[in-house]
C-alpha atoms as a PDB file:
ATOM      1  CA  UNK A   1    -172.291-145.657  13.524  1.00  0.00           C
ATOM      2  CA  UNK A   2    -170.200-143.873  14.223  1.00  0.00           C
ATOM      3  CA  UNK A   3    -171.344-140.567  16.110  1.00  0.00           C
ATOM      4  CA  UNK A   4    -174.551-141.507  16.277  1.00  0.00           C
ATOM      5  CA  UNK A   5    -176.776-141.242  19.289  1.00  0.00           C
ATOM      6  CA  UNK A   6    -177.961-144.827  19.764  1.00  0.00           C
ATOM      7  CA  UNK A   7    -180.507-144.208  22.256  1.00  0.00           C
ATOM      8  CA  UNK A   8    -183.268-141.033  23.393  1.00  0.00           C
ATOM      9  CA  UNK A   9    -180.726-140.474  26.666  1.00  0.00           C
ATOM     10  CA  UNK A  10    -177.891-140.222  24.718  1.00  0.00           C
ATOM     11  CA  UNK A  11    -179.496-137.672  22.143  1.00  0.00           C
ATOM     12  CA  UNK A  12    -181.076-135.627  24.543  1.00  0.00           C
ATOM     13  CA  UNK A  13    -178.567-136.025  27.647  1.00  0.00           C
ATOM     14  CA  UNK A  14    -175.177-136.692  26.423  1.00  0.00           C
ATOM     15  CA  UNK A  15    -175.311-133.240  24.456  1.00  0.00           C
ATOM     16  CA  UNK A  16    -177.106-131.287  27.518  1.00  0.00           C
ATOM     17  CA  UNK A  17    -180.243-131.059  25.592  1.00  0.00           C
ATOM     18  CA  UNK A  18    -182.372-132.357  28.196  1.00  0.00           C
ATOM     19  CA  UNK A  19    -183.523-129.118  29.983  1.00  0.00           C
ATOM     20  CA  UNK A  20    -184.068-127.286  25.948  1.00  0.00           C
ATOM     21  CA  UNK A  21    -186.073-130.093  24.921  1.00  0.00           C
ATOM     22  CA  UNK A  22    -187.919-130.184  28.134  1.00  0.00           C
ATOM     23  CA  UNK A  23    -188.679-126.734  28.112  1.00  0.00           C
ATOM     24  CA  UNK A  24    -190.287-127.391  24.295  1.00  0.00           C
ATOM     25  CA  UNK A  25    -192.174-129.770  25.241  1.00  0.00           C
ATOM     26  CA  UNK A  26    -193.800-128.025  28.543  1.00  0.00           C
ATOM     27  CA  UNK A  27    -194.499-125.202  25.872  1.00  0.00           C
ATOM     28  CA  UNK A  28    -196.179-127.770  23.870  1.00  0.00           C
ATOM     29  CA  UNK A  29    -198.595-129.162  26.793  1.00  0.00           C
ATOM     30  CA  UNK A  30    -199.395-125.851  27.613  1.00  0.00           C
ATOM     31  CA  UNK A  31    -200.167-124.853  24.113  1.00  0.00           C
ATOM     32  CA  UNK A  32    -202.084-128.427  22.877  1.00  0.00           C
ATOM     33  CA  UNK A  33    -202.833-129.921  26.660  1.00  0.00           C
ATOM     34  CA  UNK A  34    -201.811-133.386  27.645  1.00  0.00           C
ATOM     35  CA  UNK A  35    -204.251-135.237  25.589  1.00  0.00           C
ATOM     36  CA  UNK A  36    -202.198-133.949  22.546  1.00  0.00           C
ATOM     37  CA  UNK A  37    -198.470-135.456  23.371  1.00  0.00           C
ATOM     38  CA  UNK A  38    -196.251-137.967  24.835  1.00  0.00           C
ATOM     39  CA  UNK A  39    -191.827-137.435  25.837  1.00  0.00           C
ATOM     40  CA  UNK A  40    -191.359-140.500  24.587  1.00  0.00           C
ATOM     41  CA  UNK A  41    -193.262-140.132  21.113  1.00  0.00           C
ATOM     42  CA  UNK A  42    -191.172-136.446  20.817  1.00  0.00           C
ATOM     43  CA  UNK A  43    -187.505-138.365  21.920  1.00  0.00           C
ATOM     44  CA  UNK A  44    -188.516-141.562  19.217  1.00  0.00           C
ATOM     45  CA  UNK A  45    -189.141-139.204  16.508  1.00  0.00           C
ATOM     46  CA  UNK A  46    -185.956-137.179  17.116  1.00  0.00           C
ATOM     47  CA  UNK A  47    -183.893-139.776  17.957  1.00  0.00           C
ATOM     48  CA  UNK A  48    -184.934-141.319  14.343  1.00  0.00           C
ATOM     49  CA  UNK A  49    -184.149-138.045  12.426  1.00  0.00           C
ATOM     50  CA  UNK A  50    -180.885-137.873  14.213  1.00  0.00           C
ATOM     51  CA  UNK A  51    -180.015-141.458  13.440  1.00  0.00           C
ATOM     52  CA  UNK A  52    -180.957-140.844   9.816  1.00  0.00           C
ATOM     53  CA  UNK A  53    -178.597-137.487  10.010  1.00  0.00           C
ATOM     54  CA  UNK A  54    -176.479-137.086  12.607  1.00  0.00           C
ATOM     55  CA  UNK A  55    -175.859-133.210  11.462  1.00  0.00           C
ATOM     56  CA  UNK A  56    -179.523-132.930  13.099  1.00  0.00           C
ATOM     57  CA  UNK A  57    -178.153-133.212  16.427  1.00  0.00           C
ATOM     58  CA  UNK A  58    -177.910-129.856  17.660  1.00  0.00           C
ATOM     59  CA  UNK A  59    -179.763-127.594  19.766  1.00  0.00           C
ATOM     60  CA  UNK A  60    -181.171-125.694  17.789  1.00  0.00           C
ATOM     61  CA  UNK A  61    -182.413-127.993  15.243  1.00  0.00           C
ATOM     62  CA  UNK A  62    -183.907-130.309  18.094  1.00  0.00           C
ATOM     63  CA  UNK A  63    -185.625-127.209  19.683  1.00  0.00           C
ATOM     64  CA  UNK A  64    -186.925-126.109  16.180  1.00  0.00           C
ATOM     65  CA  UNK A  65    -188.385-129.654  15.388  1.00  0.00           C
ATOM     66  CA  UNK A  66    -189.751-130.055  19.161  1.00  0.00           C
ATOM     67  CA  UNK A  67    -191.821-126.870  18.586  1.00  0.00           C
ATOM     68  CA  UNK A  68    -193.005-128.182  14.752  1.00  0.00           C
ATOM     69  CA  UNK A  69    -193.962-131.470  16.298  1.00  0.00           C
ATOM     70  CA  UNK A  70    -195.981-129.876  19.359  1.00  0.00           C
ATOM     71  CA  UNK A  71    -198.353-128.244  16.776  1.00  0.00           C
ATOM     72  CA  UNK A  72    -198.942-131.757  15.342  1.00  0.00           C
ATOM     73  CA  UNK A  73    -202.509-133.503  16.200  1.00  0.00           C
ATOM     74  CA  UNK A  74    -202.566-136.371  18.444  1.00  0.00           C
ATOM     75  CA  UNK A  75    -202.869-138.968  15.519  1.00  0.00           C
ATOM     76  CA  UNK A  76    -199.836-137.202  13.307  1.00  0.00           C
ATOM     77  CA  UNK A  77    -197.887-137.864  15.982  1.00  0.00           C
ATOM     78  CA  UNK A  78    -198.428-141.065  17.108  1.00  0.00           C
ATOM     79  CA  UNK A  79    -198.190-141.927  12.954  1.00  0.00           C
ATOM     80  CA  UNK A  80    -194.432-140.460  13.258  1.00  0.00           C
ATOM     81  CA  UNK A  81    -193.491-142.422  16.328  1.00  0.00           C
ATOM     82  CA  UNK A  82    -194.592-145.437  15.405  1.00  0.00           C
ATOM     83  CA  UNK A  83    -192.529-145.243  12.580  1.00  0.00           C
ATOM     84  CA  UNK A  84    -189.531-143.635  14.474  1.00  0.00           C
ATOM     85  CA  UNK A  85    -189.778-146.616  16.513  1.00  0.00           C
ATOM     86  CA  UNK A  86    -189.863-149.539  13.846  1.00  0.00           C
ATOM     87  CA  UNK A  87    -186.995-147.360  12.046  1.00  0.00           C
ATOM     88  CA  UNK A  88    -184.821-147.743  15.859  1.00  0.00           C
ATOM     89  CA  UNK A  89    -185.416-151.259  16.284  1.00  0.00           C
ATOM     90  CA  UNK A  90    -184.187-151.453  12.748  1.00  0.00           C
ATOM     91  CA  UNK A  91    -180.674-149.836  13.379  1.00  0.00           C
ATOM     92  CA  UNK A  92    -180.907-151.607  16.846  1.00  0.00           C
ATOM     93  CA  UNK A  93    -181.124-154.814  15.325  1.00  0.00           C
ATOM     94  CA  UNK A  94    -178.549-154.454  12.484  1.00  0.00           C
ATOM     95  CA  UNK A  95    -175.870-153.300  14.961  1.00  0.00           C
ATOM     96  CA  UNK A  96    -176.405-156.133  17.381  1.00  0.00           C
ATOM     97  CA  UNK A  97    -175.919-158.538  14.442  1.00  0.00           C
ATOM     98  CA  UNK A  98    -172.355-156.684  13.059  1.00  0.00           C
ATOM     99  CA  UNK A  99    -171.785-157.096  17.207  1.00  0.00           C
ATOM    100  CA  UNK A 100    -172.294-160.691  17.231  1.00  0.00           C
ATOM    101  CA  UNK A 101    -170.589-161.519  13.591  1.00  0.00           C
ATOM    102  CA  UNK A 102    -167.590-159.333  14.839  1.00  0.00           C
ATOM    103  CA  UNK A 103    -167.088-161.648  18.343  1.00  0.00           C
ATOM    104  CA  UNK A 104    -168.549-164.499  16.437  1.00  0.00           C
ATOM    105  CA  UNK A 105    -171.547-165.262  18.777  1.00  0.00           C
ATOM    106  CA  UNK A 106    -174.831-166.572  18.133  1.00  0.00           C
END
């Protein structure tokens, strides 16, 4: 996948988004409380969305989406995060297979 973020770190650090996203997450924390979210859940959801559509990898979109996610109930956020983790794993497995095939590694 060319020009796609490959890891959560790529998504939020490579483009310098980590502080901006952290600020949005902190606002969500203050508004909804510690029990309603996890940074890892947010990052997984954002990564999956950007992997599916690289055009979404912008500060504006990520800030807006983080704000939207911060309004969700814990159960909704967990459900989205689980779906995202499964999709990310599928993408990683596909890329691993392609690399192994390219270099004749099993």
